[in-house]
């Protein structure tokens, strides 16, 4: 089984980007709020961009959505989370496509244990409900959708539905938590 040279370069570039992103995030996670606030009017753009930075890493973007809700309110925080998560989902999908192209995934797919290779990844139900699995469900579904060659139109609308719901809940939760903490500090 041959690997295509361009695919190897892309795979190495994605791996290095992911490692660099993880290092940057680990060093600067406490400064996220300061980074977004210091960007002024471009704060929401910075926040949305960070989702794409996190996409190839195993780090969840939920804290960005919570913080965006606290900083910008539940409505703008929801929009930031929704756009950012959709951007991250597209990055993950493209990574999955590149992996599939570089290693001839169809050969590996048939050998996957427990019938995983037979999952109907292109079904809207699996694309929607699989993304709802806590922690890494969305990343796994995004990568698999790219690797299995799911139609980009189907992938985008199913991701957008789940991302809107999740972003609204997290943003509102971040906003309410921030409000509660502010009240507690004022009372004390």
Protein backbone atom coordinates (compact mmCIF):
# COMPACT_ATOMS: atom_id res chain seq x y z
CA UNK A 1 0.00 0.00 0.00
CA UNK A 2 1.58 3.26 -1.17
CA UNK A 3 1.19 6.63 0.46
CA UNK A 4 1.05 9.59 -1.88
CA UNK A 5 3.98 12.03 -1.31
CA UNK A 6 1.73 15.12 -1.23
CA UNK A 7 -0.48 13.39 1.31
CA UNK A 8 2.51 12.73 3.57
CA UNK A 9 3.52 16.38 3.44
CA UNK A 10 -0.02 17.48 4.25
CA UNK A 11 -0.26 14.97 7.10
CA UNK A 12 3.04 16.16 8.59
CA UNK A 13 1.97 19.81 8.21
CA UNK A 14 -1.34 19.12 9.98
CA UNK A 15 0.47 17.26 12.78
CA UNK A 16 2.98 20.09 13.26
CA UNK A 17 0.18 22.68 13.20
CA UNK A 18 -1.75 20.70 15.81
CA UNK A 19 1.29 20.40 18.06
CA UNK A 20 2.10 24.09 17.65
CA UNK A 21 -1.51 25.00 18.35
CA UNK A 22 -1.58 22.85 21.48
CA UNK A 23 1.65 24.45 22.74
CA UNK A 24 0.37 27.97 22.06
CA UNK A 25 -2.97 27.25 23.70
CA UNK A 26 -1.43 25.63 26.77
CA UNK A 27 0.85 28.64 27.26
CA UNK A 28 -1.84 31.26 26.63
CA UNK A 29 -5.15 29.78 27.76
CA UNK A 30 -5.31 32.10 30.79
CA UNK A 31 -4.81 35.07 28.49
CA UNK A 32 -7.76 34.27 26.21
CA UNK A 33 -10.02 36.89 27.75
CA UNK A 34 -7.27 39.52 27.61
CA UNK A 35 -6.51 38.61 24.00
CA UNK A 36 -10.13 38.97 22.90
CA UNK A 37 -10.70 42.16 24.89
CA UNK A 38 -7.45 43.75 23.66
CA UNK A 39 -8.56 43.16 20.07
CA UNK A 40 -11.34 45.72 20.60
CA UNK A 41 -13.90 45.63 17.81
CA UNK A 42 -12.03 42.68 16.29
CA UNK A 43 -12.46 40.62 19.48
CA UNK A 44 -15.24 38.48 18.00
CA UNK A 45 -13.10 37.86 14.89
CA UNK A 46 -10.21 36.77 17.10
CA UNK A 47 -12.51 34.47 19.06
CA UNK A 48 -13.93 32.88 15.89
CA UNK A 49 -10.40 32.40 14.52
CA UNK A 50 -9.34 30.55 17.66
CA UNK A 51 -11.86 27.82 16.89
CA UNK A 52 -9.97 27.09 13.66
CA UNK A 53 -6.69 27.00 15.59
CA UNK A 54 -8.15 24.43 18.01
CA UNK A 55 -9.72 22.31 15.25
CA UNK A 56 -6.72 20.06 14.54
CA UNK A 57 -5.98 19.64 18.25
CA UNK A 58 -7.66 17.46 20.86
CA UNK A 59 -8.54 20.58 22.86
CA UNK A 60 -12.27 21.33 23.13
CA UNK A 61 -13.57 24.77 22.17
CA UNK A 62 -16.34 24.88 24.77
CA UNK A 63 -14.38 27.29 27.02
CA UNK A 64 -14.22 29.79 24.15
CA UNK A 65 -18.00 29.68 23.78
CA UNK A 66 -18.54 30.06 27.53
CA UNK A 67 -16.13 33.01 27.66
CA UNK A 68 -17.69 34.60 24.57
CA UNK A 69 -21.09 34.42 26.25
CA UNK A 70 -19.66 36.06 29.35
CA UNK A 71 -17.82 38.79 27.42
CA UNK A 72 -20.30 39.62 24.67
CA UNK A 73 -23.65 38.46 26.05
CA UNK A 74 -25.68 35.39 25.12
CA UNK A 75 -26.76 36.49 21.62
CA UNK A 76 -23.36 37.64 20.28
CA UNK A 77 -21.67 34.81 22.18
CA UNK A 78 -23.97 32.34 20.43
CA UNK A 79 -23.12 33.82 17.03
CA UNK A 80 -19.40 33.67 17.81
CA UNK A 81 -19.68 30.07 19.00
CA UNK A 82 -21.81 29.04 16.03
CA UNK A 83 -19.53 30.61 13.43
CA UNK A 84 -16.40 29.38 15.18
CA UNK A 85 -17.65 25.83 15.59
CA UNK A 86 -18.76 25.73 11.95
CA UNK A 87 -15.31 26.93 10.89
CA UNK A 88 -13.64 24.31 13.10
CA UNK A 89 -15.95 21.62 11.70
CA UNK A 90 -14.92 22.54 8.15
CA UNK A 91 -11.23 22.42 9.09
CA UNK A 92 -11.73 18.97 10.64
CA UNK A 93 -13.68 17.79 7.58
CA UNK A 94 -10.88 18.93 5.26
CA UNK A 95 -8.31 17.17 7.43
CA UNK A 96 -10.40 14.00 7.16
CA UNK A 97 -10.53 14.37 3.35
CA UNK A 98 -6.76 14.83 3.19
CA UNK A 99 -6.17 11.77 5.37
CA UNK A 100 -8.47 9.73 3.14
CA UNK A 101 -6.68 10.90 0.00
CA UNK A 102 -3.21 10.33 1.40
CA UNK A 103 -3.66 6.76 2.69
CA UNK A 104 -6.36 5.23 0.48
CA UNK A 105 -8.75 5.02 3.41
CA UNK A 106 -11.17 2.61 1.71
CA UNK A 107 -8.65 -0.20 2.23
CA UNK A 108 -8.40 0.57 5.97
CA UNK A 109 -12.12 1.14 6.33
CA UNK A 110 -12.92 -2.48 5.51
CA UNK A 111 -10.55 -3.68 8.25
CA UNK A 112 -11.92 -1.57 11.11
CA UNK A 113 -13.07 -3.58 14.15
CA UNK A 114 -16.62 -3.86 15.49
CA UNK A 115 -18.16 -2.96 12.15
CA UNK A 116 -17.12 0.69 12.45
CA UNK A 117 -16.31 0.72 8.75
CA UNK A 118 -19.96 -0.07 8.01
CA UNK A 119 -21.43 2.86 9.95
CA UNK A 120 -23.72 5.01 7.79
CA UNK A 121 -21.63 8.14 8.33
CA UNK A 122 -23.48 9.94 5.52
CA UNK A 123 -26.86 9.63 7.27
CA UNK A 124 -28.11 12.94 8.70
CA UNK A 125 -29.11 11.21 11.93
CA UNK A 126 -25.60 9.94 12.62
CA UNK A 127 -24.03 13.25 11.58
CA UNK A 128 -26.31 15.15 13.97
CA UNK A 129 -26.47 12.82 16.96
CA UNK A 130 -22.85 11.69 16.68
CA UNK A 131 -21.74 15.31 17.05
CA UNK A 132 -23.68 15.45 20.33
CA UNK A 133 -21.49 12.83 21.98
CA UNK A 134 -19.66 14.71 24.75
CA UNK A 135 -16.01 15.69 24.42
CA UNK A 136 -14.74 14.33 21.09
CA UNK A 137 -17.92 13.29 19.30
CA UNK A 138 -17.91 16.30 17.01
CA UNK A 139 -14.22 15.94 16.13
CA UNK A 140 -14.54 12.22 15.40
CA UNK A 141 -17.69 12.70 13.29
CA UNK A 142 -16.06 15.58 11.39
CA UNK A 143 -12.93 13.59 10.59
CA UNK A 144 -14.93 10.49 9.65
CA UNK A 145 -17.29 12.53 7.45
CA UNK A 146 -14.28 13.86 5.56
CA UNK A 147 -12.65 10.45 5.36
CA UNK A 148 -15.86 8.76 4.15
CA UNK A 149 -16.48 11.50 1.56
CA UNK A 150 -19.82 12.71 2.92
CA UNK A 151 -21.40 15.38 0.71
CA UNK A 152 -20.17 18.81 1.86
CA UNK A 153 -23.71 20.23 1.65
CA UNK A 154 -25.09 17.54 3.95
CA UNK A 155 -22.15 17.88 6.29
CA UNK A 156 -22.48 21.68 6.56
CA UNK A 157 -26.21 21.77 7.33
CA UNK A 158 -26.06 18.96 9.88
CA UNK A 159 -23.08 20.58 11.61
CA UNK A 160 -24.76 23.99 11.58
CA UNK A 161 -27.87 22.63 13.33
CA UNK A 162 -25.94 21.00 16.16
CA UNK A 163 -23.46 23.87 16.47
CA UNK A 164 -26.24 26.45 16.82
CA UNK A 165 -27.92 24.51 19.62
CA UNK A 166 -24.69 23.81 21.49
CA UNK A 167 -23.41 27.37 21.09
CA UNK A 168 -26.67 28.84 22.39
CA UNK A 169 -26.62 26.64 25.49
CA UNK A 170 -22.95 27.23 26.29
CA UNK A 171 -23.04 30.95 25.55
CA UNK A 172 -26.12 31.48 27.70
CA UNK A 173 -24.54 29.38 30.45
CA UNK A 174 -21.33 31.43 30.30
CA UNK A 175 -23.31 34.66 30.43
CA UNK A 176 -25.39 33.52 33.42
CA UNK A 177 -22.34 32.18 35.25
CA UNK A 178 -20.53 35.48 34.73
CA UNK A 179 -23.60 37.39 35.96
CA UNK A 180 -23.84 35.18 39.04
CA UNK A 181 -20.14 35.57 39.85
CA UNK A 182 -20.41 39.32 39.44
CA UNK A 183 -23.35 39.41 41.86
CA UNK A 184 -21.48 37.32 44.40
CA UNK A 185 -18.47 39.62 44.31
CA UNK A 186 -20.65 42.72 44.72
CA UNK A 187 -22.57 41.20 47.64
CA UNK A 188 -19.39 40.22 49.49
